[in-house]
Amino acid sequence: MYLADYHHHTDNSFDSQAQMKEVCKQAIRRGVNEVCFTEHFSVNPKVPTYGHMEFDRYFSQINKCRELVKNQLVIKAGIELCEPHLMKEDYKEALANLEIDFILGSVHNIKEEKLRMFMANKTKKEIYQNYFEEVYAMVSDADIDVIAHLDLIKRYAVETVGNYDFIIYRPIIEKILRKAIKRGIGIEINTSGLSKKGLKETFPSMDVLRLYHSLGGKILTIGSDSHRSETVGSNQEIAIKMAKEAGFDKVYVFERRTPSTINLE
């Protein structure tokens, strides 16, 4: 089975100390065939991901690692954009001359507040509804390939107000998915939530994955969202099993933002 981890961070991201070379070595040891480095990036100086990413350094590391591993591992250059539906022209300018293979879009901040801060003094309904509405705004207007961790807010909210009821939020989630499908944007199975105490499930949940498939969604990637070298490719087997159970027989990889498929065996 061809294993592709399409969400990984290194010390090019503000919240990781992982060395790209070590990630690649570990990926080979774990039988991962392809990895896409998706470093955090924002053009908004008011959010934490601003000012850390140095693209010259990043692409230099990518090229050195490709030379190092040669035919043992496919390495793709990606980026995870924070709120890419905002300040769109700034993002367009910043990325214009870069050879990016893959773009994730994420909502880590709402009204320039980190999600943990945004949740303060809000009801459960306000937290989840506002978050999903922001994701809908992103998928409606952003130039991205895949929605990162579609229901990420549960990572933080589960500690205080608990996880969300899929039935209650199905209308807004379906609205997000229909818009994504219409615009040719995919979703990911992000396995990082499986190791989160009190959560123990992927982003998004199996219910969302089944809904996406039932609506005709096809573009699906798998990512560990790892920030450490030793966890590259984590829980790929679980994600593949989920994809099959939801009805998918393929997952996707990207090159210069053009998708291609990998059969699930």
Protein backbone atom coordinates (compact mmCIF):
# COMPACT_ATOMS: atom_id res chain seq x y z
CA MET A 1 0.00 0.00 0.00
CA TYR A 2 1.33 3.42 -0.99
CA LEU A 3 1.41 5.64 2.10
CA ALA A 4 1.33 9.43 1.73
CA ASP A 5 1.42 11.78 4.72
CA TYR A 6 0.08 15.08 3.44
CA HIS A 7 0.26 17.20 6.59
CA HIS A 8 3.55 17.57 8.42
CA HIS A 9 5.36 20.43 10.14
CA THR A 10 9.04 21.10 10.78
CA ASP A 11 10.95 23.94 12.42
CA ASN A 12 9.87 26.08 9.48
CA SER A 13 6.62 26.32 11.43
CA PHE A 14 6.46 28.39 14.61
CA ASP A 15 5.21 25.48 16.72
CA SER A 16 7.60 22.69 15.68
CA GLN A 17 11.22 21.84 16.31
CA ALA A 18 11.31 18.87 13.93
CA GLN A 19 14.22 18.72 11.50
CA MET A 20 13.14 18.00 7.93
CA LYS A 21 16.02 15.61 7.34
CA GLU A 22 15.07 13.56 10.39
CA VAL A 23 11.41 13.49 9.33
CA CYS A 24 12.44 12.07 5.96
CA LYS A 25 14.68 9.42 7.50
CA GLN A 26 11.92 8.37 9.88
CA ALA A 27 9.35 8.30 7.06
CA ILE A 28 11.52 5.86 5.15
CA ARG A 29 11.96 3.69 8.25
CA ARG A 30 8.20 3.61 8.79
CA GLY A 31 7.41 2.68 5.19
CA VAL A 32 5.93 6.02 4.18
CA ASN A 33 6.26 6.53 0.43
CA GLU A 34 5.46 10.23 0.15
CA VAL A 35 5.44 13.18 2.52
CA CYS A 36 4.24 16.73 1.99
CA PHE A 37 5.59 19.40 4.32
CA THR A 38 2.79 21.85 5.07
CA GLU A 39 4.28 24.65 7.11
CA HIS A 40 2.12 27.24 8.84
CA PHE A 41 2.01 30.58 7.07
CA SER A 42 0.03 33.78 7.50
CA VAL A 43 0.27 37.26 6.03
CA ASN A 44 -1.60 38.71 9.01
CA PRO A 45 0.82 40.25 11.55
CA LYS A 46 -1.80 39.91 14.30
CA VAL A 47 -1.77 36.08 14.41
CA PRO A 48 0.90 33.69 15.79
CA THR A 49 1.86 32.13 12.47
CA TYR A 50 3.05 35.44 11.05
CA GLY A 51 6.74 36.12 10.51
CA HIS A 52 8.26 32.69 11.08
CA MET A 53 8.27 31.12 7.63
CA GLU A 54 11.34 31.79 5.48
CA PHE A 55 10.68 30.37 2.04
CA ASP A 56 14.30 30.42 0.85
CA ARG A 57 15.30 28.30 3.83
CA TYR A 58 12.32 25.99 3.37
CA PHE A 59 12.94 25.27 -0.30
CA SER A 60 16.65 24.84 0.33
CA GLN A 61 15.82 22.13 2.87
CA ILE A 62 13.35 20.51 0.48
CA ASN A 63 15.98 20.31 -2.26
CA LYS A 64 18.66 18.96 0.08
CA CYS A 65 16.31 16.30 1.41
CA ARG A 66 15.28 15.24 -2.08
CA GLU A 67 18.94 14.77 -2.94
CA LEU A 68 19.54 12.90 0.31
CA VAL A 69 16.74 10.35 -0.02
CA LYS A 70 16.73 10.11 -3.83
CA ASN A 71 14.26 7.36 -4.84
CA GLN A 72 13.43 6.23 -1.32
CA LEU A 73 10.84 8.93 -0.59
CA VAL A 74 8.77 11.39 -2.61
CA ILE A 75 8.93 14.86 -1.01
CA LYS A 76 6.39 17.54 -1.84
CA ALA A 77 6.41 21.23 -0.92
CA GLY A 78 3.20 22.39 0.72
CA ILE A 79 1.88 25.16 2.90
CA GLU A 80 -0.89 25.53 5.48
CA LEU A 81 -2.48 28.94 5.18
CA CYS A 82 -4.25 30.51 8.14
CA GLU A 83 -7.57 32.10 7.19
CA PRO A 84 -6.69 32.33 3.48
CA HIS A 85 -10.07 33.85 2.66
CA LEU A 86 -8.89 37.01 4.42
CA MET A 87 -6.19 39.30 2.99
CA LYS A 88 -6.43 37.35 -0.26
CA GLU A 89 -4.34 39.73 -2.33
CA ASP A 90 -1.52 39.57 0.21
CA TYR A 91 -1.55 35.78 0.06
CA LYS A 92 -1.61 35.84 -3.73
CA GLU A 93 1.41 38.11 -3.83
CA ALA A 94 3.33 36.13 -1.19
CA LEU A 95 2.87 32.81 -3.00
CA ALA A 96 3.01 34.03 -6.60
CA ASN A 97 6.50 32.84 -7.52
CA LEU A 98 6.76 29.75 -5.33
CA GLU A 99 6.76 26.19 -6.60
CA ILE A 100 4.11 24.93 -4.20
CA ASP A 101 2.63 21.47 -4.73
CA PHE A 102 -0.20 21.61 -2.24
CA ILE A 103 -2.13 24.19 -0.20
CA LEU A 104 -4.08 23.44 2.95
CA GLY A 105 -6.51 26.06 4.25
CA SER A 106 -7.25 26.25 7.95
CA VAL A 107 -9.14 28.29 10.49
CA HIS A 108 -6.90 28.77 13.54
CA ASN A 109 -8.15 32.24 14.42
CA ILE A 110 -11.52 33.96 14.37
CA LYS A 111 -11.56 37.74 14.28
CA GLU A 112 -7.79 37.58 14.90
CA GLU A 113 -8.22 35.63 18.13
CA LYS A 114 -6.75 32.16 18.63
CA LEU A 115 -9.49 29.56 18.94
CA ARG A 116 -8.93 29.06 22.66
CA MET A 117 -9.31 32.79 23.23
CA PHE A 118 -12.27 33.03 20.89
CA MET A 119 -14.17 30.41 22.90
CA ALA A 120 -14.06 32.41 26.13
CA ASN A 121 -17.45 33.38 27.54
CA LYS A 122 -19.36 31.71 24.68
CA THR A 123 -21.95 28.97 24.72
CA LYS A 124 -21.34 25.62 23.08
CA LYS A 125 -23.68 26.59 20.25
CA GLU A 126 -21.89 29.89 19.68
CA ILE A 127 -18.48 28.19 19.64
CA TYR A 128 -19.30 25.50 17.11
CA GLN A 129 -21.68 27.48 14.91
CA ASN A 130 -19.32 30.45 14.60
CA TYR A 131 -16.39 28.19 13.84
CA PHE A 132 -18.19 26.28 11.10
CA GLU A 133 -19.45 29.53 9.60
CA GLU A 134 -15.87 30.75 9.39
CA VAL A 135 -14.85 27.50 7.67
CA TYR A 136 -17.69 28.04 5.20
CA ALA A 137 -16.43 31.56 4.52
CA MET A 138 -12.97 30.13 3.88
CA VAL A 139 -14.10 27.39 1.51
CA SER A 140 -16.31 29.87 -0.35
CA ASP A 141 -13.53 32.28 -1.20
CA ALA A 142 -10.02 30.92 -0.60
CA ASP A 143 -7.58 29.58 -3.17
CA ILE A 144 -6.80 26.25 -1.51
CA ASP A 145 -6.64 22.57 -2.42
CA VAL A 146 -7.89 20.92 0.78
CA ILE A 147 -9.59 21.99 4.01
CA ALA A 148 -7.29 21.18 6.93
CA HIS A 149 -8.82 19.47 10.01
CA LEU A 150 -12.34 20.56 9.12
CA ASP A 151 -13.74 20.33 12.67
CA LEU A 152 -10.58 21.44 14.48
CA ILE A 153 -12.50 23.47 17.07
CA LYS A 154 -13.42 20.27 18.92
CA ARG A 155 -9.74 19.85 19.88
CA TYR A 156 -10.13 22.80 22.23
CA ALA A 157 -13.85 22.80 22.97
CA VAL A 158 -13.95 19.19 24.13
CA GLU A 159 -12.11 20.21 27.30
CA THR A 160 -14.82 22.65 28.38
CA VAL A 161 -18.13 22.22 26.53
CA GLY A 162 -17.58 18.78 25.01
CA ASN A 163 -17.66 17.47 21.46
CA TYR A 164 -20.33 18.54 19.02
CA ASP A 165 -23.44 16.60 17.99
CA PHE A 166 -23.14 15.88 14.27
CA ILE A 167 -26.93 15.92 13.78
CA ILE A 168 -27.22 19.44 15.19
CA TYR A 169 -24.47 20.86 12.98
CA ARG A 170 -25.10 18.74 9.91
CA PRO A 171 -26.76 21.63 7.99
CA ILE A 172 -23.73 23.94 8.19
CA ILE A 173 -21.28 21.04 7.67
CA GLU A 174 -23.20 19.91 4.60
CA LYS A 175 -23.14 23.49 3.34
CA ILE A 176 -19.34 23.52 3.75
CA LEU A 177 -18.94 20.20 1.94
CA ARG A 178 -21.23 21.11 -0.94
CA LYS A 179 -19.31 24.34 -1.49
CA ALA A 180 -15.99 22.49 -1.34
CA ILE A 181 -17.14 19.93 -3.90
CA LYS A 182 -18.46 22.65 -6.19
CA ARG A 183 -15.13 24.50 -6.06
CA GLY A 184 -12.96 21.39 -6.44
CA ILE A 185 -11.62 21.59 -2.89
CA GLY A 186 -11.02 18.42 -0.90
CA ILE A 187 -10.88 17.45 2.75
CA GLU A 188 -8.33 15.51 4.75
CA ILE A 189 -8.44 12.75 7.31
CA ASN A 190 -6.23 14.33 9.95
CA THR A 191 -5.15 11.70 12.44
CA SER A 192 -3.72 14.03 15.10
CA GLY A 193 -6.93 13.99 17.16
CA LEU A 194 -6.53 10.28 17.83
CA SER A 195 -3.79 11.03 20.35
CA LYS A 196 -5.69 13.89 22.02
CA LYS A 197 -6.82 12.93 25.52
CA GLY A 198 -10.56 13.26 25.83
CA LEU A 199 -11.11 13.30 22.07
CA LYS A 200 -9.59 10.20 20.48
CA GLU A 201 -11.01 10.78 17.01
CA THR A 202 -9.87 12.14 13.69
CA PHE A 203 -10.54 15.54 12.16
CA PRO A 204 -13.16 15.34 10.80
CA SER A 205 -15.27 12.62 12.37
CA MET A 206 -16.45 9.52 10.56
CA ASP A 207 -19.92 11.06 10.22
CA VAL A 208 -18.49 13.98 8.25
CA LEU A 209 -16.43 11.65 6.09
CA ARG A 210 -19.48 9.55 5.20
CA LEU A 211 -21.47 12.69 4.42
CA TYR A 212 -18.73 14.01 2.15
CA HIS A 213 -18.72 10.75 0.20
CA SER A 214 -22.52 10.64 -0.04
CA LEU A 215 -22.55 14.16 -1.51
CA GLY A 216 -20.13 13.12 -4.24
CA GLY A 217 -16.90 14.29 -2.64
CA LYS A 218 -13.80 12.68 -4.08
CA ILE A 219 -10.67 14.63 -3.17
CA LEU A 220 -9.37 13.15 0.08
CA THR A 221 -5.88 13.31 1.59
CA ILE A 222 -4.46 11.75 4.73
CA GLY A 223 -2.19 13.64 7.11
CA SER A 224 -0.68 13.10 10.53
CA ASP A 225 -0.42 16.83 11.25
CA SER A 226 2.72 15.80 13.08
CA HIS A 227 5.07 18.36 14.59
CA ARG A 228 7.70 15.75 15.50
CA SER A 229 9.88 13.56 13.31
CA GLU A 230 9.04 10.33 15.15
CA THR A 231 5.31 10.61 14.48
CA VAL A 232 5.42 11.02 10.70
CA GLY A 233 2.79 8.81 9.12
CA SER A 234 1.04 8.15 12.43
CA ASN A 235 -2.19 6.17 12.25
CA GLN A 236 -2.21 5.90 8.47
CA GLU A 237 -3.77 2.44 8.77
CA ILE A 238 -6.70 3.81 10.77
CA ALA A 239 -7.26 6.61 8.26
CA ILE A 240 -7.16 4.21 5.32
CA LYS A 241 -9.67 1.93 7.06
CA MET A 242 -11.96 4.91 7.70
CA ALA A 243 -11.72 6.01 4.07
CA LYS A 244 -12.70 2.55 2.86
CA GLU A 245 -15.57 2.29 5.33
CA ALA A 246 -16.89 5.66 4.16
CA GLY A 247 -16.90 4.38 0.58
CA PHE A 248 -13.66 5.79 -0.83
CA ASP A 249 -11.41 3.61 -2.99
CA LYS A 250 -8.82 6.32 -3.66
CA VAL A 251 -6.90 9.05 -1.87
CA TYR A 252 -5.12 11.96 -3.49
CA VAL A 253 -1.63 13.41 -3.80
CA PHE A 254 -0.64 16.65 -5.50
CA GLU A 255 2.10 18.01 -7.74
CA ARG A 256 2.17 21.72 -8.59
CA ARG A 257 -1.36 21.82 -7.22
CA THR A 258 -2.61 19.20 -9.69
CA PRO A 259 -4.25 16.20 -7.97
CA SER A 260 -3.73 12.56 -8.85
CA THR A 261 -5.06 9.41 -7.25
CA ILE A 262 -3.68 6.49 -5.30
CA ASN A 263 -5.79 3.35 -5.11
CA LEU A 264 -6.64 2.03 -1.68
CA GLU A 265 -5.87 -1.67 -1.62
